[in-house]
Amino acid sequence: MEEKFSIYQDAPSPVVVYHNKNERPYVDIPHLHSQYEIYYNIDGAKGFFADKRFFVCTGFDLFLVPQACVHKVLVSPGAIYERCILNINTKIIDAINATPHLNRPLSWLVGTSFPQKVNLNDNEHCLFLSLMDRYNQQKNELMRYAALIHLLAYIGTFFSPGRPAVQADAAPDSVAEKALVFIEEQFKTMKISELAETLFVNEHHLSRLFKDEFGITPANYLIIRKIAEAKKYLYMGASVKEACTLSGFGNYSNFIRTFKNFEGYSPGNLEKLTDPL
């Protein structure tokens, strides 16, 4: 039997709750998870891509990211970056929702098919961090589980029907960031030469600006974005050939070769249920 792979060889625990500061994003490319994810930008992130949408990031922005939603955070080089991440296994969410007499208390999370964003005020921010700390301080597993339920119940108040979510924003100003937005919106059919023409710059200049900003050429970013999309469709049960077509790769042999060159294994060897994808 062929070995299965994911991006990470060390799969995370069923619940990951962390608060980090002064770090670049742990994953700085478009990626997705089979877990539920809640992302909280405290400071440093200036943009967030999710499901081909661009959101401007400010301090205290809280994002709800659905399963298998391709996303990426945008952080300025050298910025002080502080954020919180919650990744939660689907079985835990299902177990809480199945608890008798609670009327599916996490339906706000399970029923989401698109990214949502809200902004917290100072008091909400302080309580959010205190609940995060309370979870991580628990040594007893049952107490930790109770702290997780408390944290999720609090987050749920922000995504209830009575509090409107913030819509996706317009494109940013810099050439490199505009290029990133165009790639996210049109990666299935885009060519870098056409992108340069759209932005009224030559291809070499665009490549330099993009790499200076994001540490990668737009051509390689375009490929990685297509690969992330292919992983999404593989996770959803598509065949390798279907994932090739749906992600914008025009040639099946090229898709297999490119995927293996970038990931180190063929798309048929991707373990669909390993987190993150």
C-alpha atoms as a PDB file:
ATOM      1  CA  MET A   1       0.000   0.000   0.000  1.00  0.00           C
ATOM      2  CA  GLU A   2       1.369   3.424  -0.967  1.00  0.00           C
ATOM      3  CA  GLU A   3       2.272   5.816   1.827  1.00  0.00           C
ATOM      4  CA  LYS A   4      -0.103   8.729   2.422  1.00  0.00           C
ATOM      5  CA  PHE A   5       1.140  12.293   2.922  1.00  0.00           C
ATOM      6  CA  SER A   6       0.043  15.683   4.143  1.00  0.00           C
ATOM      7  CA  ILE A   7       1.905  18.992   4.286  1.00  0.00           C
ATOM      8  CA  TYR A   8       2.844  18.238   7.898  1.00  0.00           C
ATOM      9  CA  GLN A   9       4.130  14.864   8.963  1.00  0.00           C
ATOM     10  CA  ASP A  10       3.226  15.660  12.592  1.00  0.00           C
ATOM     11  CA  ALA A  11      -0.576  15.872  12.577  1.00  0.00           C
ATOM     12  CA  PRO A  12      -1.907  18.327  15.170  1.00  0.00           C
ATOM     13  CA  SER A  13      -3.949  17.352  18.213  1.00  0.00           C
ATOM     14  CA  PRO A  14      -7.759  17.326  17.960  1.00  0.00           C
ATOM     15  CA  VAL A  15      -7.832  20.827  19.487  1.00  0.00           C
ATOM     16  CA  VAL A  16      -5.163  23.467  18.874  1.00  0.00           C
ATOM     17  CA  VAL A  17      -5.493  26.718  20.815  1.00  0.00           C
ATOM     18  CA  TYR A  18      -2.559  29.106  20.695  1.00  0.00           C
ATOM     19  CA  HIS A  19      -1.630  32.764  21.031  1.00  0.00           C
ATOM     20  CA  ASN A  20       1.626  33.823  19.341  1.00  0.00           C
ATOM     21  CA  LYS A  21       3.424  37.125  18.903  1.00  0.00           C
ATOM     22  CA  ASN A  22       6.376  38.482  16.903  1.00  0.00           C
ATOM     23  CA  GLU A  23       6.292  35.659  14.356  1.00  0.00           C
ATOM     24  CA  ARG A  24       5.701  35.402  10.661  1.00  0.00           C
ATOM     25  CA  PRO A  25       2.717  33.203   9.756  1.00  0.00           C
ATOM     26  CA  TYR A  26       3.482  29.537  10.411  1.00  0.00           C
ATOM     27  CA  VAL A  27       1.941  28.762   7.022  1.00  0.00           C
ATOM     28  CA  ASP A  28       2.621  31.591   4.554  1.00  0.00           C
ATOM     29  CA  ILE A  29       1.020  30.036   1.471  1.00  0.00           C
ATOM     30  CA  PRO A  30      -2.607  29.326   0.512  1.00  0.00           C
ATOM     31  CA  HIS A  31      -3.710  26.292   2.531  1.00  0.00           C
ATOM     32  CA  LEU A  32      -6.770  24.569   3.992  1.00  0.00           C
ATOM     33  CA  HIS A  33      -7.823  22.327   6.866  1.00  0.00           C
ATOM     34  CA  SER A  34     -10.391  19.627   7.440  1.00  0.00           C
ATOM     35  CA  GLN A  35     -10.700  21.054  10.960  1.00  0.00           C
ATOM     36  CA  TYR A  36     -12.778  24.084  11.831  1.00  0.00           C
ATOM     37  CA  GLU A  37     -10.625  27.205  12.224  1.00  0.00           C
ATOM     38  CA  ILE A  38     -11.140  30.444  14.100  1.00  0.00           C
ATOM     39  CA  TYR A  39      -8.502  33.086  13.371  1.00  0.00           C
ATOM     40  CA  TYR A  40      -8.064  36.247  15.471  1.00  0.00           C
ATOM     41  CA  ASN A  41      -5.765  39.045  14.338  1.00  0.00           C
ATOM     42  CA  ILE A  42      -4.584  41.084  17.307  1.00  0.00           C
ATOM     43  CA  ASP A  43      -1.990  43.111  15.399  1.00  0.00           C
ATOM     44  CA  GLY A  44       0.241  42.901  12.328  1.00  0.00           C
ATOM     45  CA  ALA A  45      -1.964  41.302   9.680  1.00  0.00           C
ATOM     46  CA  LYS A  46      -3.176  43.720   7.033  1.00  0.00           C
ATOM     47  CA  GLY A  47      -5.192  41.364   4.882  1.00  0.00           C
ATOM     48  CA  PHE A  48      -6.823  37.957   4.866  1.00  0.00           C
ATOM     49  CA  PHE A  49      -7.766  35.884   1.830  1.00  0.00           C
ATOM     50  CA  ALA A  50     -10.470  33.264   2.239  1.00  0.00           C
ATOM     51  CA  ASP A  51     -12.514  31.528  -0.443  1.00  0.00           C
ATOM     52  CA  LYS A  52     -11.202  33.947  -3.110  1.00  0.00           C
ATOM     53  CA  ARG A  53     -12.350  36.921  -1.018  1.00  0.00           C
ATOM     54  CA  PHE A  54     -10.055  39.657   0.288  1.00  0.00           C
ATOM     55  CA  PHE A  55     -10.664  41.147   3.734  1.00  0.00           C
ATOM     56  CA  VAL A  56      -8.779  44.134   5.095  1.00  0.00           C
ATOM     57  CA  CYS A  57      -7.403  43.245   8.540  1.00  0.00           C
ATOM     58  CA  THR A  58      -7.379  45.616  11.497  1.00  0.00           C
ATOM     59  CA  GLY A  59      -6.689  44.938  15.144  1.00  0.00           C
ATOM     60  CA  PHE A  60      -9.177  42.647  16.911  1.00  0.00           C
ATOM     61  CA  ASP A  61     -10.616  41.115  13.725  1.00  0.00           C
ATOM     62  CA  LEU A  62     -12.093  37.661  14.317  1.00  0.00           C
ATOM     63  CA  PHE A  63     -12.562  35.287  11.359  1.00  0.00           C
ATOM     64  CA  LEU A  64     -14.607  32.130  11.079  1.00  0.00           C
ATOM     65  CA  VAL A  65     -13.030  29.896   8.419  1.00  0.00           C
ATOM     66  CA  PRO A  66     -15.138  26.970   7.127  1.00  0.00           C
ATOM     67  CA  GLN A  67     -13.736  23.490   6.528  1.00  0.00           C
ATOM     68  CA  ALA A  68     -11.703  23.082   3.341  1.00  0.00           C
ATOM     69  CA  CYS A  69     -11.697  26.842   2.729  1.00  0.00           C
ATOM     70  CA  VAL A  70      -8.452  27.938   1.066  1.00  0.00           C
ATOM     71  CA  HIS A  71      -7.055  30.890   3.008  1.00  0.00           C
ATOM     72  CA  LYS A  72      -3.928  32.968   3.574  1.00  0.00           C
ATOM     73  CA  VAL A  73      -2.998  35.818   5.893  1.00  0.00           C
ATOM     74  CA  LEU A  74      -1.189  38.893   4.537  1.00  0.00           C
ATOM     75  CA  VAL A  75       1.481  40.325   6.877  1.00  0.00           C
ATOM     76  CA  SER A  76       3.830  43.218   6.085  1.00  0.00           C
ATOM     77  CA  PRO A  77       7.534  42.268   6.147  1.00  0.00           C
ATOM     78  CA  GLY A  78       9.019  43.135   9.547  1.00  0.00           C
ATOM     79  CA  ALA A  79       5.633  43.782  11.169  1.00  0.00           C
ATOM     80  CA  ILE A  80       4.980  42.743  14.762  1.00  0.00           C
ATOM     81  CA  TYR A  81       2.445  39.999  14.191  1.00  0.00           C
ATOM     82  CA  GLU A  82       0.244  38.797  17.046  1.00  0.00           C
ATOM     83  CA  ARG A  83      -2.654  36.429  16.577  1.00  0.00           C
ATOM     84  CA  CYS A  84      -4.701  33.589  18.051  1.00  0.00           C
ATOM     85  CA  ILE A  85      -5.675  30.391  16.256  1.00  0.00           C
ATOM     86  CA  LEU A  86      -8.224  27.741  17.161  1.00  0.00           C
ATOM     87  CA  ASN A  87      -8.362  24.504  15.151  1.00  0.00           C
ATOM     88  CA  ILE A  88     -10.996  22.018  16.276  1.00  0.00           C
ATOM     89  CA  ASN A  89     -11.617  18.500  15.024  1.00  0.00           C
ATOM     90  CA  THR A  90     -15.022  17.946  13.460  1.00  0.00           C
ATOM     91  CA  LYS A  91     -15.775  14.989  15.781  1.00  0.00           C
ATOM     92  CA  ILE A  92     -15.521  17.254  18.832  1.00  0.00           C
ATOM     93  CA  ILE A  93     -17.898  19.796  17.302  1.00  0.00           C
ATOM     94  CA  ASP A  94     -20.314  17.013  16.340  1.00  0.00           C
ATOM     95  CA  ALA A  95     -20.171  15.578  19.877  1.00  0.00           C
ATOM     96  CA  ILE A  96     -21.018  18.944  21.453  1.00  0.00           C
ATOM     97  CA  ASN A  97     -23.872  19.490  18.999  1.00  0.00           C
ATOM     98  CA  ALA A  98     -25.232  16.016  19.774  1.00  0.00           C
ATOM     99  CA  THR A  99     -25.476  16.705  23.517  1.00  0.00           C
ATOM    100  CA  PRO A 100     -29.134  16.187  24.557  1.00  0.00           C
ATOM    101  CA  HIS A 101     -31.321  19.228  25.294  1.00  0.00           C
ATOM    102  CA  LEU A 102     -28.778  21.792  24.024  1.00  0.00           C
ATOM    103  CA  ASN A 103     -30.377  22.276  20.582  1.00  0.00           C
ATOM    104  CA  ARG A 104     -27.137  22.081  18.587  1.00  0.00           C
ATOM    105  CA  PRO A 105     -25.318  24.987  20.301  1.00  0.00           C
ATOM    106  CA  LEU A 106     -22.548  25.146  17.662  1.00  0.00           C
ATOM    107  CA  SER A 107     -24.818  25.292  14.630  1.00  0.00           C
ATOM    108  CA  TRP A 108     -23.358  28.758  13.907  1.00  0.00           C
ATOM    109  CA  LEU A 109     -20.064  27.014  13.180  1.00  0.00           C
ATOM    110  CA  VAL A 110     -21.262  23.888  11.387  1.00  0.00           C
ATOM    111  CA  GLY A 111     -23.694  25.750   9.153  1.00  0.00           C
ATOM    112  CA  THR A 112     -21.096  28.143   7.753  1.00  0.00           C
ATOM    113  CA  SER A 113     -20.155  27.686   4.093  1.00  0.00           C
ATOM    114  CA  PHE A 114     -18.285  30.970   3.600  1.00  0.00           C
ATOM    115  CA  PRO A 115     -15.788  32.992   5.666  1.00  0.00           C
ATOM    116  CA  GLN A 116     -17.128  35.522   8.153  1.00  0.00           C
ATOM    117  CA  LYS A 117     -15.451  38.432   9.943  1.00  0.00           C
ATOM    118  CA  VAL A 118     -16.387  40.490  13.004  1.00  0.00           C
ATOM    119  CA  ASN A 119     -14.438  43.088  14.979  1.00  0.00           C
ATOM    120  CA  LEU A 120     -14.183  42.971  18.783  1.00  0.00           C
ATOM    121  CA  ASN A 121     -14.115  45.954  21.111  1.00  0.00           C
ATOM    122  CA  ASP A 122     -11.588  46.337  23.945  1.00  0.00           C
ATOM    123  CA  ASN A 123     -13.698  44.546  26.563  1.00  0.00           C
ATOM    124  CA  GLU A 124     -14.553  41.683  24.206  1.00  0.00           C
ATOM    125  CA  HIS A 125     -10.872  41.357  23.282  1.00  0.00           C
ATOM    126  CA  CYS A 126      -9.799  41.088  26.932  1.00  0.00           C
ATOM    127  CA  LEU A 127     -12.407  38.442  27.707  1.00  0.00           C
ATOM    128  CA  PHE A 128     -11.513  36.487  24.578  1.00  0.00           C
ATOM    129  CA  LEU A 129      -7.834  36.335  25.609  1.00  0.00           C
ATOM    130  CA  SER A 130      -8.702  35.401  29.188  1.00  0.00           C
ATOM    131  CA  LEU A 131     -10.783  32.460  27.944  1.00  0.00           C
ATOM    132  CA  MET A 132      -7.927  31.398  25.667  1.00  0.00           C
ATOM    133  CA  ASP A 133      -5.535  31.507  28.633  1.00  0.00           C
ATOM    134  CA  ARG A 134      -7.972  29.588  30.821  1.00  0.00           C
ATOM    135  CA  TYR A 135      -8.102  26.770  28.286  1.00  0.00           C
ATOM    136  CA  ASN A 136      -4.315  26.499  28.028  1.00  0.00           C
ATOM    137  CA  GLN A 137      -3.867  26.609  31.811  1.00  0.00           C
ATOM    138  CA  GLN A 138      -6.021  23.543  32.449  1.00  0.00           C
ATOM    139  CA  LYS A 139      -4.126  20.354  33.273  1.00  0.00           C
ATOM    140  CA  ASN A 140      -7.193  18.184  33.788  1.00  0.00           C
ATOM    141  CA  GLU A 141      -8.638  17.010  30.453  1.00  0.00           C
ATOM    142  CA  LEU A 142     -12.255  17.366  31.586  1.00  0.00           C
ATOM    143  CA  MET A 143     -11.632  20.902  32.825  1.00  0.00           C
ATOM    144  CA  ARG A 144      -9.923  21.719  29.542  1.00  0.00           C
ATOM    145  CA  TYR A 145     -12.929  20.390  27.636  1.00  0.00           C
ATOM    146  CA  ALA A 146     -15.210  22.577  29.771  1.00  0.00           C
ATOM    147  CA  ALA A 147     -12.978  25.585  29.079  1.00  0.00           C
ATOM    148  CA  LEU A 148     -13.201  24.863  25.344  1.00  0.00           C
ATOM    149  CA  ILE A 149     -17.013  24.809  25.485  1.00  0.00           C
ATOM    150  CA  HIS A 150     -16.969  28.115  27.387  1.00  0.00           C
ATOM    151  CA  LEU A 151     -14.654  29.637  24.765  1.00  0.00           C
ATOM    152  CA  LEU A 152     -16.781  28.401  21.857  1.00  0.00           C
ATOM    153  CA  ALA A 153     -19.975  29.639  23.509  1.00  0.00           C
ATOM    154  CA  TYR A 154     -18.430  33.095  23.812  1.00  0.00           C
ATOM    155  CA  ILE A 155     -17.224  33.121  20.194  1.00  0.00           C
ATOM    156  CA  GLY A 156     -20.686  32.052  19.080  1.00  0.00           C
ATOM    157  CA  THR A 157     -22.164  35.290  20.406  1.00  0.00           C
ATOM    158  CA  PHE A 158     -20.239  37.181  17.699  1.00  0.00           C
ATOM    159  CA  PHE A 159     -21.603  35.075  14.848  1.00  0.00           C
ATOM    160  CA  SER A 160     -25.244  35.005  15.892  1.00  0.00           C
ATOM    161  CA  PRO A 161     -27.854  36.419  13.483  1.00  0.00           C
ATOM    162  CA  GLY A 162     -28.170  39.588  15.550  1.00  0.00           C
ATOM    163  CA  ARG A 163     -24.586  40.709  14.862  1.00  0.00           C
ATOM    164  CA  PRO A 164     -23.885  41.326  11.162  1.00  0.00           C
ATOM    165  CA  ALA A 165     -20.626  40.012   9.733  1.00  0.00           C
ATOM    166  CA  VAL A 166     -18.267  42.319   7.855  1.00  0.00           C
ATOM    167  CA  GLN A 167     -18.284  41.843   4.089  1.00  0.00           C
ATOM    168  CA  ALA A 168     -15.212  41.316   1.910  1.00  0.00           C
ATOM    169  CA  ASP A 169     -13.309  44.472   1.035  1.00  0.00           C
ATOM    170  CA  ALA A 170     -11.983  46.150  -2.097  1.00  0.00           C
ATOM    171  CA  ALA A 171      -8.495  45.472  -3.416  1.00  0.00           C
ATOM    172  CA  PRO A 172      -5.481  47.007  -1.625  1.00  0.00           C
ATOM    173  CA  ASP A 173      -3.307  49.749  -3.108  1.00  0.00           C
ATOM    174  CA  SER A 174       0.168  48.365  -3.857  1.00  0.00           C
ATOM    175  CA  VAL A 175       0.932  46.664  -7.179  1.00  0.00           C
ATOM    176  CA  ALA A 176       2.032  43.437  -5.482  1.00  0.00           C
ATOM    177  CA  GLU A 177      -1.088  43.252  -3.327  1.00  0.00           C
ATOM    178  CA  LYS A 178      -3.333  44.035  -6.295  1.00  0.00           C
ATOM    179  CA  ALA A 179      -1.611  41.194  -8.161  1.00  0.00           C
ATOM    180  CA  LEU A 180      -2.338  38.867  -5.261  1.00  0.00           C
ATOM    181  CA  VAL A 181      -6.023  39.796  -5.340  1.00  0.00           C
ATOM    182  CA  PHE A 182      -6.233  39.207  -9.098  1.00  0.00           C
ATOM    183  CA  ILE A 183      -4.547  35.817  -8.715  1.00  0.00           C
ATOM    184  CA  GLU A 184      -6.971  34.812  -5.963  1.00  0.00           C
ATOM    185  CA  GLU A 185      -9.942  35.820  -8.102  1.00  0.00           C
ATOM    186  CA  GLN A 186      -8.788  34.413 -11.456  1.00  0.00           C
ATOM    187  CA  PHE A 187      -6.081  31.810 -10.787  1.00  0.00           C
ATOM    188  CA  LYS A 188      -7.845  29.081 -12.775  1.00  0.00           C
ATOM    189  CA  THR A 189      -7.433  30.916 -16.076  1.00  0.00           C
ATOM    190  CA  MET A 190      -4.782  33.555 -15.378  1.00  0.00           C
ATOM    191  CA  LYS A 191      -1.411  33.960 -17.065  1.00  0.00           C
ATOM    192  CA  ILE A 192       1.278  36.101 -15.424  1.00  0.00           C
ATOM    193  CA  SER A 193       1.875  37.994 -18.678  1.00  0.00           C
ATOM    194  CA  GLU A 194      -1.811  38.971 -18.740  1.00  0.00           C
ATOM    195  CA  LEU A 195      -1.645  39.958 -15.084  1.00  0.00           C
ATOM    196  CA  ALA A 196       1.278  42.297 -15.795  1.00  0.00           C
ATOM    197  CA  GLU A 197      -0.657  43.909 -18.644  1.00  0.00           C
ATOM    198  CA  THR A 198      -3.687  44.398 -16.415  1.00  0.00           C
ATOM    199  CA  LEU A 199      -1.528  46.196 -13.841  1.00  0.00           C
ATOM    200  CA  PHE A 200       0.339  48.235 -16.487  1.00  0.00           C
ATOM    201  CA  VAL A 201       3.798  46.942 -15.541  1.00  0.00           C
ATOM    202  CA  ASN A 202       6.232  44.680 -17.340  1.00  0.00           C
ATOM    203  CA  GLU A 203       6.402  41.050 -16.243  1.00  0.00           C
ATOM    204  CA  HIS A 204       9.943  41.269 -14.837  1.00  0.00           C
ATOM    205  CA  HIS A 205       9.092  44.323 -12.715  1.00  0.00           C
ATOM    206  CA  LEU A 206       5.934  42.660 -11.416  1.00  0.00           C
ATOM    207  CA  SER A 207       7.895  39.546 -10.464  1.00  0.00           C
ATOM    208  CA  ARG A 208      10.422  41.625  -8.530  1.00  0.00           C
ATOM    209  CA  LEU A 209       7.762  43.639  -6.671  1.00  0.00           C
ATOM    210  CA  PHE A 210       5.804  40.504  -5.813  1.00  0.00           C
ATOM    211  CA  LYS A 211       8.846  38.594  -4.561  1.00  0.00           C
ATOM    212  CA  ASP A 212      10.031  41.565  -2.489  1.00  0.00           C
ATOM    213  CA  GLU A 213       6.623  41.691  -0.790  1.00  0.00           C
ATOM    214  CA  PHE A 214       5.797  37.993  -0.404  1.00  0.00           C
ATOM    215  CA  GLY A 215       9.082  36.116  -0.808  1.00  0.00           C
ATOM    216  CA  ILE A 216       7.856  34.167  -3.831  1.00  0.00           C
ATOM    217  CA  THR A 217       7.407  34.888  -7.534  1.00  0.00           C
ATOM    218  CA  PRO A 218       3.855  35.394  -8.832  1.00  0.00           C
ATOM    219  CA  ALA A 219       4.330  32.415 -11.151  1.00  0.00           C
ATOM    220  CA  ASN A 220       5.115  30.093  -8.247  1.00  0.00           C
ATOM    221  CA  TYR A 221       2.346  31.592  -6.132  1.00  0.00           C
ATOM    222  CA  LEU A 222      -0.101  30.919  -8.959  1.00  0.00           C
ATOM    223  CA  ILE A 223       0.948  27.256  -9.042  1.00  0.00           C
ATOM    224  CA  ILE A 224       0.700  26.901  -5.252  1.00  0.00           C
ATOM    225  CA  ARG A 225      -2.768  28.464  -5.316  1.00  0.00           C
ATOM    226  CA  LYS A 226      -3.915  25.938  -7.919  1.00  0.00           C
ATOM    227  CA  ILE A 227      -2.437  23.101  -5.862  1.00  0.00           C
ATOM    228  CA  ALA A 228      -4.326  24.318  -2.785  1.00  0.00           C
ATOM    229  CA  GLU A 229      -7.536  24.346  -4.828  1.00  0.00           C
ATOM    230  CA  ALA A 230      -6.833  20.817  -6.056  1.00  0.00           C
ATOM    231  CA  LYS A 231      -6.391  19.691  -2.449  1.00  0.00           C
ATOM    232  CA  LYS A 232      -9.754  21.202  -1.593  1.00  0.00           C
ATOM    233  CA  TYR A 233     -11.503  19.174  -4.276  1.00  0.00           C
ATOM    234  CA  LEU A 234      -9.610  16.016  -3.340  1.00  0.00           C
ATOM    235  CA  TYR A 235     -10.749  16.531   0.263  1.00  0.00           C
ATOM    236  CA  MET A 236     -14.323  16.918  -0.980  1.00  0.00           C
ATOM    237  CA  GLY A 237     -14.097  13.539  -2.725  1.00  0.00           C
ATOM    238  CA  ALA A 238     -13.172  14.473  -6.298  1.00  0.00           C
ATOM    239  CA  SER A 239     -10.999  12.157  -8.350  1.00  0.00           C
ATOM    240  CA  VAL A 240      -7.485  13.235  -9.275  1.00  0.00           C
ATOM    241  CA  LYS A 241      -8.623  13.994 -12.832  1.00  0.00           C
ATOM    242  CA  GLU A 242     -11.566  16.036 -11.576  1.00  0.00           C
ATOM    243  CA  ALA A 243      -9.310  17.958  -9.169  1.00  0.00           C
ATOM    244  CA  CYS A 244      -6.945  18.694 -12.053  1.00  0.00           C
ATOM    245  CA  THR A 245      -9.703  20.250 -14.154  1.00  0.00           C
ATOM    246  CA  LEU A 246     -11.483  22.079 -11.332  1.00  0.00           C
ATOM    247  CA  SER A 247      -8.299  23.700 -10.043  1.00  0.00           C
ATOM    248  CA  GLY A 248      -7.302  25.164 -13.402  1.00  0.00           C
ATOM    249  CA  PHE A 249      -4.563  22.791 -14.563  1.00  0.00           C
ATOM    250  CA  GLY A 250      -5.121  22.302 -18.260  1.00  0.00           C
ATOM    251  CA  ASN A 251      -3.014  19.175 -18.711  1.00  0.00           C
ATOM    252  CA  TYR A 252      -3.344  16.072 -16.537  1.00  0.00           C
ATOM    253  CA  SER A 253       0.272  14.914 -16.921  1.00  0.00           C
ATOM    254  CA  ASN A 254       1.515  18.419 -16.122  1.00  0.00           C
ATOM    255  CA  PHE A 255      -0.745  18.501 -13.057  1.00  0.00           C
ATOM    256  CA  ILE A 256       0.690  15.248 -11.689  1.00  0.00           C
ATOM    257  CA  ARG A 257       4.261  16.345 -12.387  1.00  0.00           C
ATOM    258  CA  THR A 258       3.827  19.850 -10.960  1.00  0.00           C
ATOM    259  CA  PHE A 259       2.006  18.642  -7.857  1.00  0.00           C
ATOM    260  CA  LYS A 260       4.742  16.118  -7.130  1.00  0.00           C
ATOM    261  CA  ASN A 261       7.531  18.659  -7.748  1.00  0.00           C
ATOM    262  CA  PHE A 262       6.031  21.141  -5.278  1.00  0.00           C
ATOM    263  CA  GLU A 263       4.676  18.731  -2.657  1.00  0.00           C
ATOM    264  CA  GLY A 264       7.052  15.780  -2.889  1.00  0.00           C
ATOM    265  CA  TYR A 265       4.297  13.237  -3.558  1.00  0.00           C
ATOM    266  CA  SER A 266       1.576  12.669  -6.128  1.00  0.00           C
ATOM    267  CA  PRO A 267      -1.999  13.960  -5.604  1.00  0.00           C
ATOM    268  CA  GLY A 268      -3.259  10.396  -5.408  1.00  0.00           C
ATOM    269  CA  ASN A 269      -1.173   9.936  -2.261  1.00  0.00           C
ATOM    270  CA  LEU A 270      -2.714  12.856  -0.382  1.00  0.00           C
ATOM    271  CA  GLU A 271      -4.292  11.740   2.874  1.00  0.00           C
ATOM    272  CA  LYS A 272      -7.663  13.472   2.733  1.00  0.00           C
ATOM    273  CA  LEU A 273      -8.364  13.381   6.460  1.00  0.00           C
ATOM    274  CA  THR A 274      -4.991  14.576   7.750  1.00  0.00           C
ATOM    275  CA  ASP A 275      -4.877  18.094   9.200  1.00  0.00           C
ATOM    276  CA  PRO A 276      -3.941  20.529   7.920  1.00  0.00           C
ATOM    277  CA  LEU A 277      -4.125  19.926   4.192  1.00  0.00           C
END
